[in-house]
Protein backbone atom coordinates (compact mmCIF):
# COMPACT_ATOMS: atom_id res chain seq x y z
CA UNK A 1 0.00 0.00 0.00
CA UNK A 2 1.32 3.45 -0.92
CA UNK A 3 1.90 6.23 1.54
CA UNK A 4 -1.46 7.71 2.55
CA UNK A 5 -2.17 11.25 1.40
CA UNK A 6 -1.11 13.85 3.94
CA UNK A 7 -2.61 17.35 3.80
CA UNK A 8 -0.04 20.09 3.26
CA UNK A 9 0.69 22.50 6.04
CA UNK A 10 -2.30 24.86 6.32
CA UNK A 11 -0.21 28.00 6.02
CA UNK A 12 1.70 26.77 2.96
CA UNK A 13 -1.47 25.66 1.15
CA UNK A 14 -3.20 28.95 1.93
CA UNK A 15 -0.28 31.00 0.66
CA UNK A 16 -0.04 28.82 -2.45
CA UNK A 17 -3.70 29.43 -3.27
CA UNK A 18 -3.65 33.14 -2.50
CA UNK A 19 -0.22 34.13 -3.84
CA UNK A 20 -1.49 35.74 -7.08
CA UNK A 21 -4.17 37.64 -5.18
CA UNK A 22 -1.90 38.81 -2.37
CA UNK A 23 0.50 40.30 -4.90
CA UNK A 24 -2.17 42.41 -6.55
CA UNK A 25 -5.04 43.34 -4.28
CA UNK A 26 -5.09 46.25 -1.85
CA UNK A 27 -4.42 45.87 1.84
CA UNK A 28 -7.92 45.22 3.10
CA UNK A 29 -9.06 42.61 0.51
CA UNK A 30 -5.84 40.67 1.20
CA UNK A 31 -6.32 40.63 4.93
CA UNK A 32 -9.99 39.81 4.60
CA UNK A 33 -9.08 36.62 2.72
CA UNK A 34 -6.29 35.60 5.10
CA UNK A 35 -8.34 36.30 8.21
CA UNK A 36 -11.30 34.45 6.72
CA UNK A 37 -9.21 31.28 6.53
CA UNK A 38 -7.74 31.91 9.97
CA UNK A 39 -11.22 32.05 11.49
CA UNK A 40 -12.29 28.90 9.66
CA UNK A 41 -9.14 27.11 10.85
CA UNK A 42 -9.73 28.20 14.46
CA UNK A 43 -13.34 26.96 14.30
CA UNK A 44 -12.23 23.63 12.85
CA UNK A 45 -9.48 23.15 15.45
CA UNK A 46 -11.96 23.94 18.20
CA UNK A 47 -14.27 21.30 16.78
CA UNK A 48 -11.41 18.77 16.69
CA UNK A 49 -10.57 19.45 20.33
CA UNK A 50 -14.18 19.04 21.41
CA UNK A 51 -14.54 15.78 19.45
CA UNK A 52 -11.37 14.34 20.98
CA UNK A 53 -13.37 13.81 24.18
CA UNK A 54 -16.06 11.80 22.37
CA UNK A 55 -14.63 8.36 21.49
CA UNK A 56 -17.94 7.23 19.95
CA UNK A 57 -17.48 9.59 16.97
CA UNK A 58 -16.04 8.31 13.66
CA UNK A 59 -12.29 8.56 13.58
CA UNK A 60 -11.92 7.97 17.31
CA UNK A 61 -10.52 4.59 18.39
CA UNK A 62 -9.87 3.69 14.73
CA UNK A 63 -13.54 3.72 13.66
CA UNK A 64 -13.08 6.03 10.67
CA UNK A 65 -11.61 9.39 9.68
CA UNK A 66 -11.50 12.19 12.28
CA UNK A 67 -12.35 15.82 11.59
CA UNK A 68 -9.52 17.45 9.64
CA UNK A 69 -8.49 20.91 8.48
CA UNK A 70 -6.63 20.73 5.16
CA UNK A 71 -5.72 24.41 4.90
CA UNK A 72 -8.85 25.46 2.99
CA UNK A 73 -11.84 23.46 4.25
CA UNK A 74 -12.88 21.65 7.40
CA UNK A 75 -13.80 17.99 6.81
CA UNK A 76 -16.15 16.60 9.50
CA UNK A 77 -15.53 13.12 10.93
CA UNK A 78 -16.66 10.31 8.65
CA UNK A 79 -17.11 6.50 9.05
CA UNK A 80 -14.82 4.19 7.12
CA UNK A 81 -15.81 3.61 3.49
CA UNK A 82 -17.98 6.70 3.13
CA UNK A 83 -17.35 9.90 1.17
CA UNK A 84 -18.13 13.55 1.72
CA UNK A 85 -18.22 16.61 -0.53
CA UNK A 86 -17.75 20.27 0.34
CA UNK A 87 -18.21 23.37 -1.81
CA UNK A 88 -15.42 25.80 -2.65
CA UNK A 89 -15.12 28.69 -0.20
CA UNK A 90 -17.20 31.66 -1.33
CA UNK A 91 -14.48 34.30 -1.52
CA UNK A 92 -14.50 37.02 -4.15
CA UNK A 93 -11.38 37.60 -6.26
CA UNK A 94 -9.95 34.21 -5.19
CA UNK A 95 -12.29 31.44 -6.38
CA UNK A 96 -14.41 31.92 -9.50
CA UNK A 97 -16.49 28.77 -9.06
CA UNK A 98 -18.54 27.08 -6.35
CA UNK A 99 -17.59 23.58 -7.48
CA UNK A 100 -17.75 20.50 -5.26
CA UNK A 101 -14.65 18.76 -3.85
CA UNK A 102 -14.96 15.17 -2.64
CA UNK A 103 -12.86 13.05 -0.27
CA UNK A 104 -13.24 9.43 0.82
CA UNK A 105 -12.54 7.81 4.15
CA UNK A 106 -10.20 4.87 3.44
CA UNK A 107 -8.14 2.46 5.52
CA UNK A 108 -5.22 4.86 5.12
CA UNK A 109 -7.25 7.89 6.21
CA UNK A 110 -8.66 10.74 4.15
CA UNK A 111 -8.10 10.49 0.40
CA UNK A 112 -6.73 13.48 -1.59
CA UNK A 113 -9.31 16.11 -2.64
CA UNK A 114 -10.94 15.19 -5.94
CA UNK A 115 -10.85 17.23 -8.07
CA UNK A 116 -8.07 19.44 -6.64
CA UNK A 117 -9.03 22.88 -5.32
CA UNK A 118 -7.36 24.82 -8.13
CA UNK A 119 -9.36 22.82 -10.68
CA UNK A 120 -12.76 22.58 -8.99
CA UNK A 121 -12.80 26.14 -7.69
CA UNK A 122 -11.17 27.81 -10.72
CA UNK A 123 -8.56 29.75 -8.81
CA UNK A 124 -8.25 33.33 -10.02
CA UNK A 125 -4.88 33.75 -11.75
CA UNK A 126 -3.24 36.87 -13.06
CA UNK A 127 -0.50 37.33 -15.59
CA UNK A 128 2.84 38.61 -14.34
CA UNK A 129 2.55 41.80 -16.37
CA UNK A 130 -0.83 42.51 -14.76
CA UNK A 131 0.75 41.93 -11.35
CA UNK A 132 3.55 44.38 -12.10
CA UNK A 133 1.09 46.96 -13.43
CA UNK A 134 -1.04 46.65 -10.30
CA UNK A 135 2.04 46.96 -8.11
CA UNK A 136 3.13 50.13 -9.93
CA UNK A 137 -0.40 51.49 -9.62
CA UNK A 138 -0.39 50.90 -5.86
CA UNK A 139 3.02 52.59 -5.47
CA UNK A 140 1.84 55.57 -7.55
CA UNK A 141 -1.32 55.88 -5.48
CA UNK A 142 0.67 55.77 -2.24
CA UNK A 143 3.00 58.52 -3.47
CA UNK A 144 -0.01 60.66 -4.47
CA UNK A 145 -1.84 60.34 -1.18
CA UNK A 146 1.40 60.86 0.79
CA UNK A 147 1.96 64.14 -1.09
CA UNK A 148 -1.70 65.04 -0.58
CA UNK A 149 -1.69 64.50 3.16
CA UNK A 150 1.64 66.30 3.53
CA UNK A 151 0.32 69.32 1.62
CA UNK A 152 -2.89 69.28 3.64
CA UNK A 153 -1.06 69.06 6.97
CA UNK A 154 1.14 72.06 6.12
CA UNK A 155 -1.83 74.16 4.94
CA UNK A 156 -4.00 73.22 7.94
CA UNK A 157 -1.29 73.99 10.49
CA UNK A 158 -0.75 77.40 8.86
CA UNK A 159 -4.50 78.07 8.86
CA UNK A 160 -4.80 77.17 12.56
CA UNK A 161 -1.86 79.48 13.28
CA UNK A 162 -3.59 82.35 11.46
CA UNK A 163 -6.89 81.87 13.28
CA UNK A 164 -5.09 81.62 16.63
CA UNK A 165 -2.75 84.59 16.22
CA UNK A 166 -5.24 87.30 15.24
CA UNK A 167 -7.57 88.27 18.06
CA UNK A 168 -10.29 89.63 15.74
CA UNK A 169 -10.64 86.16 14.20
CA UNK A 170 -11.55 84.60 17.56
CA UNK A 171 -15.23 83.70 17.26
CA UNK A 172 -17.52 80.66 17.38
CA UNK A 173 -17.39 80.15 13.61
CA UNK A 174 -13.60 80.10 13.43
CA UNK A 175 -13.40 78.00 16.60
CA UNK A 176 -15.46 75.33 14.82
CA UNK A 177 -13.19 75.67 11.79
CA UNK A 178 -10.13 75.06 14.01
CA UNK A 179 -11.69 71.87 15.38
CA UNK A 180 -12.51 70.82 11.82
CA UNK A 181 -8.91 71.50 10.73
CA UNK A 182 -7.63 69.51 13.71
CA UNK A 183 -9.72 66.50 12.67
CA UNK A 184 -8.10 66.60 9.23
CA UNK A 185 -4.66 66.82 10.85
CA UNK A 186 -5.45 63.79 13.00
CA UNK A 187 -6.67 61.89 9.94
CA UNK A 188 -3.50 62.59 7.95
CA UNK A 189 -1.30 61.78 10.94
CA UNK A 190 -3.20 58.53 11.51
CA UNK A 191 -2.62 57.48 7.90
CA UNK A 192 1.14 58.01 8.26
CA UNK A 193 1.21 56.15 11.60
CA UNK A 194 -0.80 53.25 10.18
CA UNK A 195 1.48 52.96 7.14
CA UNK A 196 4.62 53.07 9.30
CA UNK A 197 3.30 50.38 11.65
CA UNK A 198 1.93 48.01 8.99
CA UNK A 199 4.41 48.48 6.15
CA UNK A 200 7.67 49.67 7.73
CA UNK A 201 9.17 46.17 7.51
CA UNK A 202 8.51 44.18 4.32
CA UNK A 203 9.47 40.94 6.09
CA UNK A 204 6.45 41.23 8.40
CA UNK A 205 3.13 39.82 7.21
CA UNK A 206 0.75 42.67 8.06
CA UNK A 207 -2.28 40.42 7.53
CA UNK A 208 -1.33 38.10 10.38
CA UNK A 209 0.15 40.82 12.57
CA UNK A 210 -1.72 41.00 15.86
CA UNK A 211 0.29 43.28 18.12
CA UNK A 212 -1.01 45.88 20.55
CA UNK A 213 0.83 48.57 18.54
CA UNK A 214 -0.88 47.78 15.25
CA UNK A 215 -4.31 47.49 16.92
CA UNK A 216 -3.77 50.85 18.63
CA UNK A 217 -2.75 52.38 15.28
CA UNK A 218 -5.92 51.06 13.61
CA UNK A 219 -8.10 52.23 16.52
CA UNK A 220 -6.56 55.72 16.32
CA UNK A 221 -7.08 55.73 12.56
CA UNK A 222 -10.76 54.79 12.96
CA UNK A 223 -11.21 57.50 15.60
CA UNK A 224 -9.64 60.17 13.38
CA UNK A 225 -11.83 59.15 10.42
CA UNK A 226 -14.98 59.24 12.57
CA UNK A 227 -14.00 62.59 14.10
CA UNK A 228 -13.40 63.99 10.62
CA UNK A 229 -16.87 62.92 9.43
CA UNK A 230 -18.57 64.26 12.55
CA UNK A 231 -16.84 67.63 12.42
CA UNK A 232 -17.94 67.70 8.79
CA UNK A 233 -21.45 67.18 10.16
CA UNK A 234 -20.91 69.97 12.71
CA UNK A 235 -19.92 72.38 9.91
CA UNK A 236 -23.17 71.54 8.14
CA UNK A 237 -25.21 71.97 11.34
CA UNK A 238 -23.55 75.29 12.07
CA UNK A 239 -24.13 76.64 8.56
CA UNK A 240 -27.79 75.67 8.82
CA UNK A 241 -27.98 77.36 12.24
CA UNK A 242 -26.56 80.55 10.76
CA UNK A 243 -29.35 80.64 8.20
CA UNK A 244 -32.08 79.84 10.72
CA UNK A 245 -30.86 82.48 13.20
CA UNK A 246 -30.15 85.12 10.53
CA UNK A 247 -26.36 85.18 10.77
CA UNK A 248 -26.19 85.05 14.54
CA UNK A 249 -25.24 82.07 16.63
CA UNK A 250 -25.59 81.39 20.33
CA UNK A 251 -22.33 80.40 21.99
CA UNK A 252 -24.23 77.88 24.09
CA UNK A 253 -24.25 75.59 21.06
CA UNK A 254 -20.45 75.34 21.05
CA UNK A 255 -20.19 72.64 23.72
CA UNK A 256 -22.86 70.64 21.92
CA UNK A 257 -20.79 70.81 18.75
CA UNK A 258 -17.69 69.68 20.64
CA UNK A 259 -19.57 66.71 22.11
CA UNK A 260 -20.79 65.73 18.64
CA UNK A 261 -17.43 66.21 16.92
CA UNK A 262 -15.15 64.53 19.48
CA UNK A 263 -17.48 62.72 21.87
CA UNK A 264 -19.53 60.57 19.48
CA UNK A 265 -16.41 59.17 17.74
CA UNK A 266 -14.80 58.45 21.12
CA UNK A 267 -17.81 56.47 22.33
CA UNK A 268 -18.14 54.64 18.99
CA UNK A 269 -14.49 53.60 18.83
CA UNK A 270 -14.59 52.58 22.50
CA UNK A 271 -17.54 50.27 21.82
CA UNK A 272 -15.81 48.91 18.70
CA UNK A 273 -12.55 48.20 20.56
CA UNK A 274 -14.37 46.39 23.38
CA UNK A 275 -16.38 44.39 20.82
CA UNK A 276 -13.29 43.33 18.90
CA UNK A 277 -11.45 42.39 22.10
CA UNK A 278 -14.36 40.29 23.28
CA UNK A 279 -15.63 38.64 20.10
CA UNK A 280 -13.18 39.07 17.20
CA UNK A 281 -9.67 39.69 18.45
CA UNK A 282 -7.95 38.45 15.28
CA UNK A 283 -5.26 40.08 13.19
CA UNK A 284 -4.73 43.81 13.30
CA UNK A 285 -8.44 44.79 13.21
CA UNK A 286 -8.16 46.17 9.66
CA UNK A 287 -10.53 43.50 8.30
CA UNK A 288 -13.49 45.31 6.76
CA UNK A 289 -15.34 42.06 6.08
CA UNK A 290 -15.95 41.49 9.79
CA UNK A 291 -19.56 41.99 10.86
CA UNK A 292 -18.29 44.14 13.74
CA UNK A 293 -17.08 46.68 11.16
CA UNK A 294 -20.68 47.95 11.16
CA UNK A 295 -20.03 49.42 14.62
CA UNK A 296 -17.82 51.93 12.79
CA UNK A 297 -19.55 52.01 9.41
CA UNK A 298 -23.09 52.69 10.67
CA UNK A 299 -22.20 56.00 12.45
CA UNK A 300 -20.21 57.09 9.38
CA UNK A 301 -23.17 56.39 7.09
CA UNK A 302 -25.42 58.27 9.52
CA UNK A 303 -23.15 61.34 9.43
CA UNK A 304 -22.88 61.21 5.63
CA UNK A 305 -26.63 61.05 4.99
CA UNK A 306 -27.56 63.59 7.66
CA UNK A 307 -25.00 65.96 6.14
CA UNK A 308 -26.38 65.27 2.68
CA UNK A 309 -29.91 66.23 3.76
CA UNK A 310 -28.55 69.30 5.55
CA UNK A 311 -26.86 70.31 2.30
CA UNK A 312 -30.16 69.94 0.42
CA UNK A 313 -31.97 71.93 3.12
CA UNK A 314 -29.38 74.71 3.06
CA UNK A 315 -29.66 74.92 -0.73
CA UNK A 316 -33.46 75.15 -0.42
CA UNK A 317 -33.32 77.89 2.27
CA UNK A 318 -30.81 79.95 0.30
CA UNK A 319 -32.97 79.75 -2.84
CA UNK A 320 -36.03 80.90 -0.87
CA UNK A 321 -34.23 83.80 0.81
CA UNK A 322 -32.66 85.07 -2.43
CA UNK A 323 -36.06 85.07 -4.17
CA UNK A 324 -37.71 86.92 -1.29
CA UNK A 325 -38.81 90.38 -2.62
CA UNK A 326 -38.65 91.99 0.84
CA UNK A 327 -34.99 91.11 1.36
CA UNK A 328 -32.65 94.08 1.52
CA UNK A 329 -29.81 94.41 -0.94
CA UNK A 330 -27.19 93.93 1.78
CA UNK A 331 -28.74 90.69 3.02
CA UNK A 332 -29.21 89.47 -0.55
CA UNK A 333 -25.50 90.00 -1.21
CA UNK A 334 -24.69 88.09 1.98
CA UNK A 335 -26.89 85.19 0.89
CA UNK A 336 -25.38 85.21 -2.61
CA UNK A 337 -21.88 84.95 -1.13
CA UNK A 338 -23.07 82.16 1.14
CA UNK A 339 -24.62 80.38 -1.86
CA UNK A 340 -21.34 80.49 -3.75
CA UNK A 341 -19.52 79.20 -0.68
CA UNK A 342 -22.05 76.39 -0.27
CA UNK A 343 -21.61 75.27 -3.87
CA UNK A 344 -17.85 75.27 -3.39
CA UNK A 345 -18.25 73.23 -0.21
CA UNK A 346 -20.11 70.35 -1.88
CA UNK A 347 -17.15 67.96 -1.45
CA UNK A 348 -16.74 69.09 2.15
CA UNK A 349 -20.30 68.04 2.96
CA UNK A 350 -19.34 64.52 1.97
CA UNK A 351 -21.86 64.47 -0.88
CA UNK A 352 -19.43 62.50 -3.05
CA UNK A 353 -19.27 59.79 -0.38
CA UNK A 354 -22.97 59.07 -0.92
CA UNK A 355 -22.05 57.46 -4.24
CA UNK A 356 -20.19 54.64 -2.47
CA UNK A 357 -21.98 54.62 0.88
CA UNK A 358 -24.48 51.85 0.17
CA UNK A 359 -22.24 49.67 -2.01
CA UNK A 360 -20.44 46.65 -0.51
CA UNK A 361 -16.74 47.10 0.26
CA UNK A 362 -15.66 44.93 -2.72
CA UNK A 363 -17.64 46.94 -5.32
CA UNK A 364 -15.70 49.62 -7.20
CA UNK A 365 -12.52 49.07 -5.17
CA UNK A 366 -10.26 51.04 -7.55
CA UNK A 367 -12.62 54.03 -7.78
CA UNK A 368 -13.24 53.92 -4.02
CA UNK A 369 -9.52 53.89 -3.24
CA UNK A 370 -8.93 56.78 -5.65
CA UNK A 371 -11.63 58.93 -4.06
CA UNK A 372 -10.86 58.06 -0.45
CA UNK A 373 -7.06 57.98 -0.64
CA UNK A 374 -5.96 60.29 -3.44
CA UNK A 375 -8.72 62.93 -3.63
CA UNK A 376 -9.47 62.59 0.08
CA UNK A 377 -5.85 63.34 0.95
CA UNK A 378 -6.13 66.81 -0.65
CA UNK A 379 -9.44 67.57 1.06
CA UNK A 380 -7.68 69.15 4.04
CA UNK A 381 -5.84 71.54 1.73
CA UNK A 382 -9.15 72.46 0.07
CA UNK A 383 -10.73 73.11 3.48
CA UNK A 384 -7.87 75.39 4.55
CA UNK A 385 -8.00 77.20 1.20
CA UNK A 386 -11.75 77.93 1.32
CA UNK A 387 -12.19 78.57 5.04
CA UNK A 388 -8.96 80.52 5.65
CA UNK A 389 -6.75 81.58 2.76
CA UNK A 390 -9.61 82.74 0.47
CA UNK A 391 -11.65 84.14 3.36
CA UNK A 392 -12.08 87.90 2.87
CA UNK A 393 -12.18 88.55 6.63
CA UNK A 394 -8.89 86.71 7.11
CA UNK A 395 -7.26 88.49 4.19
CA UNK A 396 -8.37 91.90 5.51
CA UNK A 397 -7.01 91.12 8.98
CA UNK A 398 -3.66 89.98 7.54
CA UNK A 399 -3.39 93.14 5.41
CA UNK A 400 -4.25 95.33 8.42
CA UNK A 401 -1.63 93.70 10.63
CA UNK A 402 0.91 93.72 7.82
CA UNK A 403 0.37 97.45 7.36
CA UNK A 404 0.69 98.01 11.11
CA UNK A 405 3.94 96.01 11.21
CA UNK A 406 5.36 97.95 8.22
CA UNK A 407 4.56 101.31 9.84
CA UNK A 408 6.13 100.12 13.08
CA UNK A 409 9.29 99.04 11.28
CA UNK A 410 9.51 102.36 9.40
CA UNK A 411 9.06 104.22 12.68
CA UNK A 412 11.82 102.19 14.35
CA UNK A 413 14.18 102.80 11.43
CA UNK A 414 13.41 106.56 11.54
CA UNK A 415 14.06 106.70 15.29
CA UNK A 416 17.37 104.87 14.93
CA UNK A 417 18.43 107.18 12.11
CA UNK A 418 17.45 110.24 14.17
CA UNK A 419 19.40 108.99 17.17
CA UNK A 420 22.51 108.44 15.04
CA UNK A 421 22.20 111.92 13.52
CA UNK A 422 21.76 113.59 16.93
CA UNK A 423 24.72 111.68 18.28
């Protein structure tokens, strides 16, 4: 009798099946696949341990074939002489078919899978030139979003410095802008921290990494993203309040805005961290296929759609006020300026996120990555440009202080010259 078939090591078989995919896909689809198999392996091993205490089951005391994990599927215990079939794992971008694989329980143990996985499941394969093109595309995208976040960070820090330095710019509106700018700074910083933790060492498999550092980096990243969306919501709420209260705003609302912008994300991420620790403490928590991802995704969707309806309501109110025949010319000019600003702020209201909000994570991956990584990285620069650098009030204050500084310098130079002449 020949040597009975032995299943390959689970890790080696998994890497063999997924190698073409891991070389091409983005970070999250890769880790979703790897963590999917890790969870299935853990469930199967748990089942094997529990069955080891039940000698009456097939495979125990030589009665048949015990439960076995072959690196892809879990094969339940089976009496001698019987066969069992399992379907290919339902994983997008890895297996193209849901074919059936069969194994028999023989005197020598489990027989080899028939047909093999790569044949029955039609493993997705990619040409080497496609792999290289995808790799170059990923590198190009990373360079673009790194430049974008760097530009945004510099512009946002300068804008915060301008709002903080000039006393006449200290008001509720600009205070909200500063919080909004800070959320963008946190988001850009979190991206750099996440990249440095996950990809600083190419020898480390980031999909199977499960350190406290990487989990903390992902948690901070999720908090910064949530805070960014909720301060986006606060900007929409504040603009709507300005219209409802005729360009006046009660300072008592400020603490409410702070609680929404920083408090809601803090509570949400806290719940998500506790949930992952308790029920799904696998990998580095960057698996978007986990059902616990909805703890983060649901509040983001809520902020996006509330902001979208606020945008529609603001547009409606501005149209009504501009058409009002009793409106003075001064107020009409104010509303016209606000209308232009609102149209420019369409991307800031997150309206473009509505396009992808209801689609599954695997739909339109390339377009989603381009919008969220490349265009999203320059959003902070756009915010600083519209709210600070192109703000007429800010420009007037800078010109006034620049003129004051020039006159002061001229006066000092004149005094020094006079002192030298008198001496």
